[in-house]
Amino acid sequence: MTAKQSECVTIAEVKAISGDLVAMEFLARRFFEGRGVVQSFQKSYYWSTIALSEGVTYLTTLNQFASKKLTKEERVGIEADLSLIK
């Protein structure tokens, strides 16, 4: 059975893609915890890394925890994706 993504997460994704830092934080936390979405440390790391690059320093610990849950290959892949949006 596939878990459906909540509507608030879908809305936050649209806002985060547009640069909304609050939405990025929301997504980083939701994906880390798996609330309203399928838990994804990759997506948590992705959104928290973008937010950190924009100065949202209070996500440092969450970003580090998410990073520890990833393989080296996953981390490198995400960082490559992030380099494309800079």
PDB file of N, CA and C in Angstrom:
ATOM      1  N   MET A   1       0.844  -1.182   0.000  1.00  0.00           N
ATOM      2  CA  MET A   1       0.000   0.000   0.000  1.00  0.00           C
ATOM      3  C   MET A   1       0.890   1.247   0.000  1.00  0.00           C
ATOM      4  N   THR A   2       0.630   2.158  -0.888  1.00  0.00           N
ATOM      5  CA  THR A   2       1.406   3.379  -0.998  1.00  0.00           C
ATOM      6  C   THR A   2       0.728   4.487  -0.204  1.00  0.00           C
ATOM      7  N   ALA A   3       1.489   5.164   0.632  1.00  0.00           N
ATOM      8  CA  ALA A   3       0.944   6.267   1.414  1.00  0.00           C
ATOM      9  C   ALA A   3       0.782   7.484   0.512  1.00  0.00           C
ATOM     10  N   LYS A   4      -0.327   8.159   0.672  1.00  0.00           N
ATOM     11  CA  LYS A   4      -0.596   9.345  -0.120  1.00  0.00           C
ATOM     12  C   LYS A   4      -0.009  10.565   0.579  1.00  0.00           C
ATOM     13  N   GLN A   5       0.514  11.470  -0.209  1.00  0.00           N
ATOM     14  CA  GLN A   5       1.078  12.705   0.326  1.00  0.00           C
ATOM     15  C   GLN A   5      -0.058  13.644   0.712  1.00  0.00           C
ATOM     16  N   SER A   6       0.059  14.285   1.875  1.00  0.00           N
ATOM     17  CA  SER A   6      -0.992  15.194   2.321  1.00  0.00           C
ATOM     18  C   SER A   6      -1.020  16.454   1.456  1.00  0.00           C
ATOM     19  N   GLU A   7      -2.185  17.076   1.424  1.00  0.00           N
ATOM     20  CA  GLU A   7      -2.370  18.282   0.611  1.00  0.00           C
ATOM     21  C   GLU A   7      -1.453  19.412   1.063  1.00  0.00           C
ATOM     22  N   CYS A   8      -1.243  19.547   2.373  1.00  0.00           N
ATOM     23  CA  CYS A   8      -0.389  20.639   2.865  1.00  0.00           C
ATOM     24  C   CYS A   8       1.062  20.455   2.414  1.00  0.00           C
ATOM     25  N   VAL A   9       1.500  19.214   2.267  1.00  0.00           N
ATOM     26  CA  VAL A   9       2.851  18.949   1.768  1.00  0.00           C
ATOM     27  C   VAL A   9       2.947  19.292   0.290  1.00  0.00           C
ATOM     28  N   THR A  10       1.929  18.969  -0.461  1.00  0.00           N
ATOM     29  CA  THR A  10       1.904  19.303  -1.890  1.00  0.00           C
ATOM     30  C   THR A  10       1.965  20.811  -2.085  1.00  0.00           C
ATOM     31  N   ILE A  11       1.199  21.545  -1.295  1.00  0.00           N
ATOM     32  CA  ILE A  11       1.205  23.013  -1.369  1.00  0.00           C
ATOM     33  C   ILE A  11       2.573  23.554  -0.965  1.00  0.00           C
ATOM     34  N   ALA A  12       3.154  22.990   0.087  1.00  0.00           N
ATOM     35  CA  ALA A  12       4.479  23.431   0.547  1.00  0.00           C
ATOM     36  C   ALA A  12       5.541  23.200  -0.522  1.00  0.00           C
ATOM     37  N   GLU A  13       5.430  22.109  -1.264  1.00  0.00           N
ATOM     38  CA  GLU A  13       6.407  21.847  -2.330  1.00  0.00           C
ATOM     39  C   GLU A  13       6.366  22.937  -3.393  1.00  0.00           C
ATOM     40  N   VAL A  14       5.171  23.361  -3.766  1.00  0.00           N
ATOM     41  CA  VAL A  14       5.037  24.434  -4.760  1.00  0.00           C
ATOM     42  C   VAL A  14       5.678  25.710  -4.227  1.00  0.00           C
ATOM     43  N   LYS A  15       5.420  26.026  -2.971  1.00  0.00           N
ATOM     44  CA  LYS A  15       5.979  27.236  -2.370  1.00  0.00           C
ATOM     45  C   LYS A  15       7.494  27.130  -2.220  1.00  0.00           C
ATOM     46  N   ALA A  16       7.982  25.967  -1.814  1.00  0.00           N
ATOM     47  CA  ALA A  16       9.429  25.778  -1.625  1.00  0.00           C
ATOM     48  C   ALA A  16      10.171  25.915  -2.948  1.00  0.00           C
ATOM     49  N   ILE A  17       9.606  25.368  -4.007  1.00  0.00           N
ATOM     50  CA  ILE A  17      10.224  25.486  -5.328  1.00  0.00           C
ATOM     51  C   ILE A  17      10.327  26.946  -5.745  1.00  0.00           C
ATOM     52  N   SER A  18       9.385  27.762  -5.255  1.00  0.00           N
ATOM     53  CA  SER A  18       9.392  29.199  -5.553  1.00  0.00           C
ATOM     54  C   SER A  18      10.308  29.980  -4.620  1.00  0.00           C
ATOM     55  N   GLY A  19      10.951  29.286  -3.668  1.00  0.00           N
ATOM     56  CA  GLY A  19      11.911  29.951  -2.791  1.00  0.00           C
ATOM     57  C   GLY A  19      11.423  30.270  -1.398  1.00  0.00           C
ATOM     58  N   ASP A  20      10.263  29.795  -1.012  1.00  0.00           N
ATOM     59  CA  ASP A  20       9.705  30.070   0.314  1.00  0.00           C
ATOM     60  C   ASP A  20      10.471  29.272   1.380  1.00  0.00           C
ATOM     61  N   LEU A  21      11.215  29.987   2.222  1.00  0.00           N
ATOM     62  CA  LEU A  21      12.051  29.334   3.234  1.00  0.00           C
ATOM     63  C   LEU A  21      11.241  28.611   4.297  1.00  0.00           C
ATOM     64  N   VAL A  22      10.088  29.144   4.664  1.00  0.00           N
ATOM     65  CA  VAL A  22       9.234  28.480   5.654  1.00  0.00           C
ATOM     66  C   VAL A  22       8.753  27.135   5.095  1.00  0.00           C
ATOM     67  N   ALA A  23       8.396  27.122   3.825  1.00  0.00           N
ATOM     68  CA  ALA A  23       7.963  25.881   3.185  1.00  0.00           C
ATOM     69  C   ALA A  23       9.109  24.872   3.125  1.00  0.00           C
ATOM     70  N   MET A  24      10.313  25.350   2.872  1.00  0.00           N
ATOM     71  CA  MET A  24      11.481  24.454   2.848  1.00  0.00           C
ATOM     72  C   MET A  24      11.698  23.806   4.209  1.00  0.00           C
ATOM     73  N   GLU A  25      11.604  24.614   5.257  1.00  0.00           N
ATOM     74  CA  GLU A  25      11.754  24.067   6.613  1.00  0.00           C
ATOM     75  C   GLU A  25      10.657  23.043   6.892  1.00  0.00           C
ATOM     76  N   PHE A  26       9.434  23.392   6.546  1.00  0.00           N
ATOM     77  CA  PHE A  26       8.298  22.496   6.744  1.00  0.00           C
ATOM     78  C   PHE A  26       8.545  21.147   6.069  1.00  0.00           C
ATOM     79  N   LEU A  27       8.991  21.192   4.815  1.00  0.00           N
ATOM     80  CA  LEU A  27       9.242  19.956   4.069  1.00  0.00           C
ATOM     81  C   LEU A  27      10.396  19.162   4.669  1.00  0.00           C
ATOM     82  N   ALA A  28      11.454  19.848   5.053  1.00  0.00           N
ATOM     83  CA  ALA A  28      12.602  19.152   5.647  1.00  0.00           C
ATOM     84  C   ALA A  28      12.172  18.388   6.892  1.00  0.00           C
ATOM     85  N   ARG A  29      11.353  19.021   7.715  1.00  0.00           N
ATOM     86  CA  ARG A  29      10.891  18.370   8.950  1.00  0.00           C
ATOM     87  C   ARG A  29       9.888  17.253   8.657  1.00  0.00           C
ATOM     88  N   ARG A  30       8.945  17.505   7.757  1.00  0.00           N
ATOM     89  CA  ARG A  30       7.929  16.498   7.442  1.00  0.00           C
ATOM     90  C   ARG A  30       8.551  15.241   6.844  1.00  0.00           C
ATOM     91  N   PHE A  31       9.459  15.425   5.890  1.00  0.00           N
ATOM     92  CA  PHE A  31      10.088  14.255   5.279  1.00  0.00           C
ATOM     93  C   PHE A  31      10.971  13.515   6.277  1.00  0.00           C
ATOM     94  N   PHE A  32      11.625  14.240   7.179  1.00  0.00           N
ATOM     95  CA  PHE A  32      12.448  13.586   8.192  1.00  0.00           C
ATOM     96  C   PHE A  32      11.584  12.719   9.112  1.00  0.00           C
ATOM     97  N   GLU A  33      10.441  13.273   9.525  1.00  0.00           N
ATOM     98  CA  GLU A  33       9.561  12.580  10.472  1.00  0.00           C
ATOM     99  C   GLU A  33       8.605  11.602   9.790  1.00  0.00           C
ATOM    100  N   GLY A  34       8.335  11.804   8.510  1.00  0.00           N
ATOM    101  CA  GLY A  34       7.368  10.968   7.813  1.00  0.00           C
ATOM    102  C   GLY A  34       5.931  11.306   8.166  1.00  0.00           C
ATOM    103  N   ARG A  35       5.677  12.574   8.478  1.00  0.00           N
ATOM    104  CA  ARG A  35       4.308  13.010   8.796  1.00  0.00           C
ATOM    105  C   ARG A  35       3.657  13.597   7.550  1.00  0.00           C
ATOM    106  N   GLY A  36       2.601  12.930   7.080  1.00  0.00           N
ATOM    107  CA  GLY A  36       1.891  13.396   5.888  1.00  0.00           C
ATOM    108  C   GLY A  36       2.570  13.001   4.592  1.00  0.00           C
ATOM    109  N   VAL A  37       3.668  12.271   4.691  1.00  0.00           N
ATOM    110  CA  VAL A  37       4.430  11.804   3.528  1.00  0.00           C
ATOM    111  C   VAL A  37       5.100  10.485   3.885  1.00  0.00           C
ATOM    112  N   VAL A  38       5.590   9.815   2.867  1.00  0.00           N
ATOM    113  CA  VAL A  38       6.448   8.665   3.112  1.00  0.00           C
ATOM    114  C   VAL A  38       7.785   9.223   3.594  1.00  0.00           C
ATOM    115  N   GLN A  39       8.279   8.716   4.710  1.00  0.00           N
ATOM    116  CA  GLN A  39       9.544   9.226   5.255  1.00  0.00           C
ATOM    117  C   GLN A  39      10.646   9.128   4.217  1.00  0.00           C
ATOM    118  N   SER A  40      11.394  10.226   4.069  1.00  0.00           N
ATOM    119  CA  SER A  40      12.476  10.267   3.090  1.00  0.00           C
ATOM    120  C   SER A  40      13.596  11.140   3.630  1.00  0.00           C
ATOM    121  N   PHE A  41      14.667  10.492   4.059  1.00  0.00           N
ATOM    122  CA  PHE A  41      15.813  11.256   4.538  1.00  0.00           C
ATOM    123  C   PHE A  41      16.483  11.991   3.378  1.00  0.00           C
ATOM    124  N   GLN A  42      16.368  11.440   2.171  1.00  0.00           N
ATOM    125  CA  GLN A  42      16.922  12.114   0.999  1.00  0.00           C
ATOM    126  C   GLN A  42      16.241  13.458   0.777  1.00  0.00           C
ATOM    127  N   LYS A  43      14.903  13.467   0.804  1.00  0.00           N
ATOM    128  CA  LYS A  43      14.169  14.721   0.588  1.00  0.00           C
ATOM    129  C   LYS A  43      14.363  15.685   1.760  1.00  0.00           C
ATOM    130  N   SER A  44      14.451  15.155   2.964  1.00  0.00           N
ATOM    131  CA  SER A  44      14.717  16.003   4.119  1.00  0.00           C
ATOM    132  C   SER A  44      16.071  16.685   3.976  1.00  0.00           C
ATOM    133  N   TYR A  45      17.063  15.902   3.578  1.00  0.00           N
ATOM    134  CA  TYR A  45      18.411  16.445   3.374  1.00  0.00           C
ATOM    135  C   TYR A  45      18.396  17.481   2.254  1.00  0.00           C
ATOM    136  N   TYR A  46      17.705  17.185   1.179  1.00  0.00           N
ATOM    137  CA  TYR A  46      17.606  18.100   0.041  1.00  0.00           C
ATOM    138  C   TYR A  46      17.057  19.463   0.476  1.00  0.00           C
ATOM    139  N   TRP A  47      15.879  19.439   1.099  1.00  0.00           N
ATOM    140  CA  TRP A  47      15.243  20.712   1.464  1.00  0.00           C
ATOM    141  C   TRP A  47      15.987  21.437   2.577  1.00  0.00           C
ATOM    142  N   SER A  48      16.526  20.696   3.535  1.00  0.00           N
ATOM    143  CA  SER A  48      17.260  21.379   4.610  1.00  0.00           C
ATOM    144  C   SER A  48      18.573  21.955   4.099  1.00  0.00           C
ATOM    145  N   THR A  49      19.197  21.312   3.126  1.00  0.00           N
ATOM    146  CA  THR A  49      20.436  21.850   2.549  1.00  0.00           C
ATOM    147  C   THR A  49      20.171  23.145   1.802  1.00  0.00           C
ATOM    148  N   ILE A  50      19.080  23.188   1.041  1.00  0.00           N
ATOM    149  CA  ILE A  50      18.729  24.430   0.342  1.00  0.00           C
ATOM    150  C   ILE A  50      18.444  25.538   1.352  1.00  0.00           C
ATOM    151  N   ALA A  51      17.660  25.226   2.369  1.00  0.00           N
ATOM    152  CA  ALA A  51      17.340  26.237   3.387  1.00  0.00           C
ATOM    153  C   ALA A  51      18.599  26.723   4.099  1.00  0.00           C
ATOM    154  N   LEU A  52      19.510  25.806   4.405  1.00  0.00           N
ATOM    155  CA  LEU A  52      20.772  26.200   5.045  1.00  0.00           C
ATOM    156  C   LEU A  52      21.561  27.153   4.149  1.00  0.00           C
ATOM    157  N   SER A  53      21.563  26.875   2.862  1.00  0.00           N
ATOM    158  CA  SER A  53      22.307  27.746   1.931  1.00  0.00           C
ATOM    159  C   SER A  53      21.695  29.146   1.860  1.00  0.00           C
ATOM    160  N   GLU A  54      20.434  29.252   2.275  1.00  0.00           N
ATOM    161  CA  GLU A  54      19.743  30.546   2.296  1.00  0.00           C
ATOM    162  C   GLU A  54      19.781  31.192   3.679  1.00  0.00           C
ATOM    163  N   GLY A  55      20.528  30.592   4.606  1.00  0.00           N
ATOM    164  CA  GLY A  55      20.722  31.202   5.918  1.00  0.00           C
ATOM    165  C   GLY A  55      19.842  30.685   7.036  1.00  0.00           C
ATOM    166  N   VAL A  56      19.094  29.627   6.816  1.00  0.00           N
ATOM    167  CA  VAL A  56      18.223  29.071   7.854  1.00  0.00           C
ATOM    168  C   VAL A  56      19.066  28.110   8.701  1.00  0.00           C
ATOM    169  N   THR A  57      19.911  28.689   9.546  1.00  0.00           N
ATOM    170  CA  THR A  57      20.921  27.912  10.269  1.00  0.00           C
ATOM    171  C   THR A  57      20.353  26.982  11.330  1.00  0.00           C
ATOM    172  N   TYR A  58      19.139  27.215  11.782  1.00  0.00           N
ATOM    173  CA  TYR A  58      18.583  26.353  12.827  1.00  0.00           C
ATOM    174  C   TYR A  58      18.201  24.969  12.294  1.00  0.00           C
ATOM    175  N   LEU A  59      18.357  24.734  11.004  1.00  0.00           N
ATOM    176  CA  LEU A  59      18.133  23.401  10.448  1.00  0.00           C
ATOM    177  C   LEU A  59      19.425  22.575  10.372  1.00  0.00           C
ATOM    178  N   THR A  60      20.501  23.105  10.907  1.00  0.00           N
ATOM    179  CA  THR A  60      21.790  22.419  10.838  1.00  0.00           C
ATOM    180  C   THR A  60      21.731  21.021  11.431  1.00  0.00           C
ATOM    181  N   THR A  61      21.168  20.882  12.614  1.00  0.00           N
ATOM    182  CA  THR A  61      21.118  19.579  13.277  1.00  0.00           C
ATOM    183  C   THR A  61      20.261  18.597  12.499  1.00  0.00           C
ATOM    184  N   LEU A  62      19.096  19.016  12.046  1.00  0.00           N
ATOM    185  CA  LEU A  62      18.240  18.144  11.250  1.00  0.00           C
ATOM    186  C   LEU A  62      18.971  17.700   9.994  1.00  0.00           C
ATOM    187  N   ASN A  63      19.653  18.630   9.334  1.00  0.00           N
ATOM    188  CA  ASN A  63      20.407  18.329   8.129  1.00  0.00           C
ATOM    189  C   ASN A  63      21.492  17.288   8.409  1.00  0.00           C
ATOM    190  N   GLN A  64      22.174  17.433   9.530  1.00  0.00           N
ATOM    191  CA  GLN A  64      23.228  16.480   9.888  1.00  0.00           C
ATOM    192  C   GLN A  64      22.656  15.098  10.179  1.00  0.00           C
ATOM    193  N   PHE A  65      21.523  15.042  10.880  1.00  0.00           N
ATOM    194  CA  PHE A  65      20.885  13.752  11.160  1.00  0.00           C
ATOM    195  C   PHE A  65      20.420  13.086   9.870  1.00  0.00           C
ATOM    196  N   ALA A  66      19.799  13.855   8.980  1.00  0.00           N
ATOM    197  CA  ALA A  66      19.344  13.300   7.701  1.00  0.00           C
ATOM    198  C   ALA A  66      20.538  12.803   6.896  1.00  0.00           C
ATOM    199  N   SER A  67      21.611  13.562   6.897  1.00  0.00           N
ATOM    200  CA  SER A  67      22.815  13.177   6.166  1.00  0.00           C
ATOM    201  C   SER A  67      23.372  11.846   6.652  1.00  0.00           C
ATOM    202  N   LYS A  68      23.339  11.628   7.953  1.00  0.00           N
ATOM    203  CA  LYS A  68      23.858  10.382   8.525  1.00  0.00           C
ATOM    204  C   LYS A  68      23.036   9.162   8.111  1.00  0.00           C
ATOM    205  N   LYS A  69      21.796   9.382   7.713  1.00  0.00           N
ATOM    206  CA  LYS A  69      20.924   8.290   7.298  1.00  0.00           C
ATOM    207  C   LYS A  69      21.124   7.916   5.825  1.00  0.00           C
ATOM    208  N   LEU A  70      21.922   8.701   5.107  1.00  0.00           N
ATOM    209  CA  LEU A  70      22.133   8.482   3.681  1.00  0.00           C
ATOM    210  C   LEU A  70      23.433   7.737   3.417  1.00  0.00           C
ATOM    211  N   THR A  71      23.451   7.026   2.310  1.00  0.00           N
ATOM    212  CA  THR A  71      24.712   6.446   1.863  1.00  0.00           C
ATOM    213  C   THR A  71      25.531   7.565   1.208  1.00  0.00           C
ATOM    214  N   LYS A  72      26.799   7.309   1.018  1.00  0.00           N
ATOM    215  CA  LYS A  72      27.654   8.298   0.366  1.00  0.00           C
ATOM    216  C   LYS A  72      27.125   8.597  -1.039  1.00  0.00           C
ATOM    217  N   GLU A  73      26.684   7.564  -1.743  1.00  0.00           N
ATOM    218  CA  GLU A  73      26.172   7.738  -3.100  1.00  0.00           C
ATOM    219  C   GLU A  73      24.903   8.591  -3.123  1.00  0.00           C
ATOM    220  N   GLU A  74      24.016   8.372  -2.161  1.00  0.00           N
ATOM    221  CA  GLU A  74      22.790   9.183  -2.077  1.00  0.00           C
ATOM    222  C   GLU A  74      23.134  10.646  -1.829  1.00  0.00           C
ATOM    223  N   ARG A  75      24.054  10.883  -0.907  1.00  0.00           N
ATOM    224  CA  ARG A  75      24.457  12.249  -0.569  1.00  0.00           C
ATOM    225  C   ARG A  75      25.085  12.938  -1.777  1.00  0.00           C
ATOM    226  N   VAL A  76      25.991  12.243  -2.465  1.00  0.00           N
ATOM    227  CA  VAL A  76      26.642  12.810  -3.647  1.00  0.00           C
ATOM    228  C   VAL A  76      25.609  13.116  -4.732  1.00  0.00           C
ATOM    229  N   GLY A  77      24.636  12.223  -4.919  1.00  0.00           N
ATOM    230  CA  GLY A  77      23.593  12.448  -5.912  1.00  0.00           C
ATOM    231  C   GLY A  77      22.753  13.677  -5.600  1.00  0.00           C
ATOM    232  N   ILE A  78      22.390  13.832  -4.342  1.00  0.00           N
ATOM    233  CA  ILE A  78      21.594  14.990  -3.935  1.00  0.00           C
ATOM    234  C   ILE A  78      22.405  16.269  -4.118  1.00  0.00           C
ATOM    235  N   GLU A  79      23.671  16.227  -3.725  1.00  0.00           N
ATOM    236  CA  GLU A  79      24.516  17.420  -3.870  1.00  0.00           C
ATOM    237  C   GLU A  79      24.715  17.772  -5.336  1.00  0.00           C
ATOM    238  N   ALA A  80      24.773  16.761  -6.214  1.00  0.00           N
ATOM    239  CA  ALA A  80      24.864  17.027  -7.656  1.00  0.00           C
ATOM    240  C   ALA A  80      23.582  17.710  -8.152  1.00  0.00           C
ATOM    241  N   ASP A  81      22.427  17.215  -7.682  1.00  0.00           N
ATOM    242  CA  ASP A  81      21.148  17.837  -8.040  1.00  0.00           C
ATOM    243  C   ASP A  81      21.097  19.289  -7.561  1.00  0.00           C
ATOM    244  N   LEU A  82      21.596  19.521  -6.356  1.00  0.00           N
ATOM    245  CA  LEU A  82      21.578  20.871  -5.801  1.00  0.00           C
ATOM    246  C   LEU A  82      22.482  21.809  -6.582  1.00  0.00           C
ATOM    247  N   SER A  83      23.578  21.301  -7.104  1.00  0.00           N
ATOM    248  CA  SER A  83      24.491  22.149  -7.875  1.00  0.00           C
ATOM    249  C   SER A  83      23.843  22.621  -9.176  1.00  0.00           C
ATOM    250  N   LEU A  84      22.863  21.878  -9.661  1.00  0.00           N
ATOM    251  CA  LEU A  84      22.164  22.262 -10.892  1.00  0.00           C
ATOM    252  C   LEU A  84      21.218  23.443 -10.692  1.00  0.00           C
ATOM    253  N   ILE A  85      20.772  23.648  -9.452  1.00  0.00           N
ATOM    254  CA  ILE A  85      19.796  24.727  -9.218  1.00  0.00           C
ATOM    255  C   ILE A  85      20.459  26.009  -8.726  1.00  0.00           C
ATOM    256  N   LYS A  86      21.747  26.000  -8.549  1.00  0.00           N
ATOM    257  CA  LYS A  86      22.439  27.206  -8.069  1.00  0.00           C
ATOM    258  C   LYS A  86      22.666  28.197  -9.172  1.00  0.00           C
TER     259      LYS A  86
END
